[in-house]
Amino acid sequence: MRASSETPDLKAELRARLVAERERLHPHQRLQLDRRICAHLLRYLDERDGLNLAGFHAFRGEPDLMPALEALHQAGRRIHLPVVDGSHMEFRRWTPGQALRRNRFGIPEPLDGKPCPIERLDVVFMPLVAFSPSGTRLGMGAGFYDRAFEFRLSQPGQGPSLIGTAYSLQEVDSLPAQHWDVPIDGVITDRGLKRFTED
């Protein structure tokens, strides 16, 4: 779907509908789906040697990756979480039990932790509101991930692998894309891994 003057309205409408839909998941159903997503995530990383990984804290119904991130930490991987500063986002080292603070959106962030340059990250597991079969990602609308990985638009395949994580109900047939939207390389849902690029 091409971008147009209606694109922001279409995105806002879709965002509101899908966020509400995932927030309505029954807690038991959510727990089962989260377990499947974590299992698929760990299986994906069994095939990869990357040491520096980035994940996120669940917000407004996003999948809870913490059990997988804790297991990866125990296995010797370096885990990083996003930290927002103004309009900028960086990734800081995180270990289980580390002190966290809530940012202006209410999302927990590491209080301390060494920042990791984006180019040193191997895989970034990204939250999303919706995704399309072509790898277009719809986020919450603040643009932090698009700005952080803007270089991928002119240098496809460079930097870390960008893997969305979502419930399968968040897949849509198509999404309106704008020139600053950074596509993802794949997505992990409760149904498994779907690749959009050669990884």
Protein backbone atom coordinates (compact mmCIF):
# COMPACT_ATOMS: atom_id res chain seq x y z
CA MET A 1 0.00 0.00 0.00
CA ARG A 2 1.42 3.37 -0.98
CA ALA A 3 1.80 6.23 1.47
CA SER A 4 -0.64 9.10 1.03
CA SER A 5 -2.05 12.03 2.94
CA GLU A 6 -4.34 9.48 4.62
CA THR A 7 -1.45 7.30 5.83
CA PRO A 8 -1.16 8.79 9.36
CA ASP A 9 -4.92 8.35 9.90
CA LEU A 10 -4.82 4.77 8.61
CA LYS A 11 -1.89 3.96 10.87
CA ALA A 12 -3.56 5.53 13.90
CA GLU A 13 -6.78 3.62 13.30
CA LEU A 14 -4.98 0.31 12.83
CA ARG A 15 -2.76 0.96 15.85
CA ALA A 16 -5.72 1.66 18.13
CA ARG A 17 -7.59 -1.45 16.96
CA LEU A 18 -4.69 -3.89 17.26
CA VAL A 19 -3.39 -2.57 20.59
CA ALA A 20 -6.89 -2.97 22.01
CA GLU A 21 -7.13 -6.47 20.55
CA ARG A 22 -3.89 -7.69 22.10
CA GLU A 23 -4.76 -6.06 25.44
CA ARG A 24 -8.00 -8.08 25.47
CA LEU A 25 -6.18 -11.41 25.46
CA HIS A 26 -7.16 -13.54 28.45
CA PRO A 27 -4.24 -13.82 30.93
CA HIS A 28 -4.10 -17.61 30.57
CA GLN A 29 -4.09 -17.37 26.78
CA ARG A 30 -1.44 -14.64 26.90
CA LEU A 31 0.79 -16.78 29.12
CA GLN A 32 0.56 -19.71 26.70
CA LEU A 33 1.30 -17.50 23.69
CA ASP A 34 4.22 -15.83 25.46
CA ARG A 35 5.71 -19.24 26.27
CA ARG A 36 5.49 -20.24 22.61
CA ILE A 37 7.11 -16.98 21.48
CA CYS A 38 9.96 -17.40 23.98
CA ALA A 39 10.50 -21.01 22.85
CA HIS A 40 10.66 -19.96 19.19
CA LEU A 41 13.01 -17.09 20.07
CA LEU A 42 15.40 -19.43 21.89
CA ARG A 43 15.26 -21.92 19.02
CA TYR A 44 16.12 -19.13 16.56
CA LEU A 45 19.16 -18.17 18.63
CA ASP A 46 20.32 -21.79 18.88
CA GLU A 47 21.38 -21.37 15.25
CA ARG A 48 23.21 -18.07 15.79
CA ASP A 49 26.51 -17.14 17.42
CA GLY A 50 25.67 -13.51 18.24
CA LEU A 51 26.75 -12.38 21.70
CA ASN A 52 25.09 -8.94 21.95
CA LEU A 53 21.31 -9.10 21.93
CA ALA A 54 18.61 -6.50 22.55
CA GLY A 55 15.09 -7.09 23.76
CA PHE A 56 12.42 -5.03 25.51
CA HIS A 57 10.07 -4.88 28.48
CA ALA A 58 6.46 -5.68 27.57
CA PHE A 59 4.20 -2.62 27.36
CA ARG A 60 0.48 -2.37 26.66
CA GLY A 61 -0.06 -6.01 25.87
CA GLU A 62 3.24 -6.76 24.10
CA PRO A 63 4.67 -10.29 24.44
CA ASP A 64 6.69 -10.88 27.62
CA LEU A 65 10.20 -11.88 26.55
CA MET A 66 11.75 -11.73 30.04
CA PRO A 67 11.88 -15.52 30.62
CA ALA A 68 13.80 -15.93 27.35
CA LEU A 69 16.09 -12.96 28.05
CA GLU A 70 16.90 -14.31 31.51
CA ALA A 71 17.70 -17.74 30.05
CA LEU A 72 19.94 -16.14 27.42
CA HIS A 73 21.77 -14.18 30.11
CA GLN A 74 22.36 -17.40 32.04
CA ALA A 75 23.73 -18.94 28.83
CA GLY A 76 26.33 -16.18 28.56
CA ARG A 77 24.70 -13.80 26.08
CA ARG A 78 24.83 -10.05 26.73
CA ILE A 79 21.33 -8.62 26.99
CA HIS A 80 20.50 -4.96 26.32
CA LEU A 81 17.28 -3.01 26.76
CA PRO A 82 16.22 0.26 25.10
CA VAL A 83 16.58 3.52 27.02
CA VAL A 84 14.82 6.65 25.75
CA ASP A 85 16.42 10.08 26.11
CA GLY A 86 14.40 12.84 24.46
CA SER A 87 13.83 11.71 20.87
CA HIS A 88 16.88 9.42 20.97
CA MET A 89 17.00 5.74 21.92
CA GLU A 90 20.05 3.71 22.91
CA PHE A 91 20.55 0.18 24.21
CA ARG A 92 22.09 -0.45 27.63
CA ARG A 93 23.36 -3.65 29.19
CA TRP A 94 20.86 -5.39 31.46
CA THR A 95 21.18 -8.25 33.93
CA PRO A 96 18.34 -9.96 35.85
CA GLY A 97 17.66 -8.21 39.16
CA GLN A 98 19.18 -4.92 38.00
CA ALA A 99 17.45 -1.74 39.20
CA LEU A 100 15.00 -0.29 36.69
CA ARG A 101 13.14 2.99 36.39
CA ARG A 102 10.06 3.84 34.36
CA ASN A 103 10.51 6.30 31.51
CA ARG A 104 7.93 8.92 30.53
CA PHE A 105 5.89 6.24 28.75
CA GLY A 106 5.85 4.00 31.81
CA ILE A 107 8.27 1.44 30.35
CA PRO A 108 10.97 0.04 32.68
CA GLU A 109 14.55 0.89 31.67
CA PRO A 110 17.96 -0.01 33.17
CA LEU A 111 19.08 2.66 35.63
CA ASP A 112 22.70 1.83 34.95
CA GLY A 113 24.29 -0.38 32.36
CA LYS A 114 26.91 0.25 29.73
CA PRO A 115 25.52 1.51 26.40
CA CYS A 116 26.15 -0.76 23.44
CA PRO A 117 26.80 0.90 20.07
CA ILE A 118 24.11 -0.12 17.59
CA GLU A 119 26.69 -1.57 15.20
CA ARG A 120 27.87 -3.99 17.90
CA LEU A 121 24.44 -5.51 18.44
CA ASP A 122 23.94 -8.84 16.69
CA VAL A 123 20.17 -9.28 16.98
CA VAL A 124 17.48 -6.81 18.08
CA PHE A 125 14.09 -8.18 19.08
CA MET A 126 11.66 -5.35 18.42
CA PRO A 127 8.12 -4.74 19.66
CA LEU A 128 5.47 -3.93 17.10
CA VAL A 129 1.76 -3.31 16.74
CA ALA A 130 1.36 -4.92 13.32
CA PHE A 131 3.41 -6.49 10.54
CA SER A 132 2.79 -7.36 6.92
CA PRO A 133 4.02 -10.31 4.80
CA SER A 134 6.53 -7.97 3.14
CA GLY A 135 8.26 -7.08 6.43
CA THR A 136 6.67 -3.68 6.99
CA ARG A 137 6.40 -2.93 10.71
CA LEU A 138 3.93 -0.68 12.49
CA GLY A 139 5.13 0.51 15.88
CA MET A 140 3.51 2.63 18.59
CA GLY A 141 4.06 5.80 16.57
CA ALA A 142 6.94 7.55 18.34
CA GLY A 143 9.52 6.50 15.73
CA PHE A 144 12.33 5.52 18.11
CA TYR A 145 13.24 2.30 16.31
CA ASP A 146 12.99 3.90 12.86
CA ARG A 147 15.38 6.67 13.93
CA ALA A 148 17.79 4.27 15.65
CA PHE A 149 18.05 2.04 12.57
CA GLU A 150 17.62 4.69 9.88
CA PHE A 151 20.97 3.71 8.34
CA ARG A 152 19.38 0.42 7.24
CA LEU A 153 17.36 2.31 4.62
CA SER A 154 20.52 3.20 2.67
CA GLN A 155 22.54 0.17 3.82
CA PRO A 156 20.20 -2.84 3.68
CA GLY A 157 21.54 -5.85 5.52
CA GLN A 158 24.02 -3.83 7.58
CA GLY A 159 23.99 -3.81 11.37
CA PRO A 160 22.04 -6.19 13.58
CA SER A 161 19.28 -8.50 12.45
CA LEU A 162 15.96 -6.79 13.22
CA ILE A 163 13.42 -9.36 14.39
CA GLY A 164 9.92 -8.30 15.34
CA THR A 165 8.12 -10.15 18.12
CA ALA A 166 4.35 -10.26 18.17
CA TYR A 167 1.25 -12.39 18.47
CA SER A 168 0.09 -13.96 15.22
CA LEU A 169 -3.13 -11.93 15.49
CA GLN A 170 -1.03 -8.85 14.72
CA GLU A 171 -0.32 -9.91 11.13
CA VAL A 172 -2.23 -7.89 8.52
CA ASP A 173 -2.43 -8.25 4.73
CA SER A 174 -0.74 -4.92 4.05
CA LEU A 175 0.45 -1.78 5.82
CA PRO A 176 0.82 1.80 4.63
CA ALA A 177 4.57 2.46 4.44
CA GLN A 178 6.34 5.81 4.57
CA HIS A 179 9.87 6.54 3.40
CA TRP A 180 11.30 6.53 6.93
CA ASP A 181 9.80 3.15 7.92
CA VAL A 182 12.60 0.64 8.50
CA PRO A 183 11.55 -2.89 7.50
CA ILE A 184 12.28 -5.88 9.71
CA ASP A 185 14.25 -8.97 8.68
CA GLY A 186 11.80 -11.38 10.25
CA VAL A 187 9.19 -11.81 12.95
CA ILE A 188 8.75 -14.35 15.73
CA THR A 189 5.16 -15.07 16.75
CA ASP A 190 3.44 -17.85 18.67
CA ARG A 191 3.44 -19.74 15.35
CA GLY A 192 7.19 -19.55 14.82
CA LEU A 193 9.72 -17.56 12.80
CA LYS A 194 8.81 -15.88 9.53
CA ARG A 195 11.74 -14.49 7.53
CA PHE A 196 11.48 -11.52 5.17
CA THR A 197 15.17 -11.33 4.18
CA GLU A 198 18.06 -13.76 3.93
CA ASP A 199 19.60 -13.91 7.38
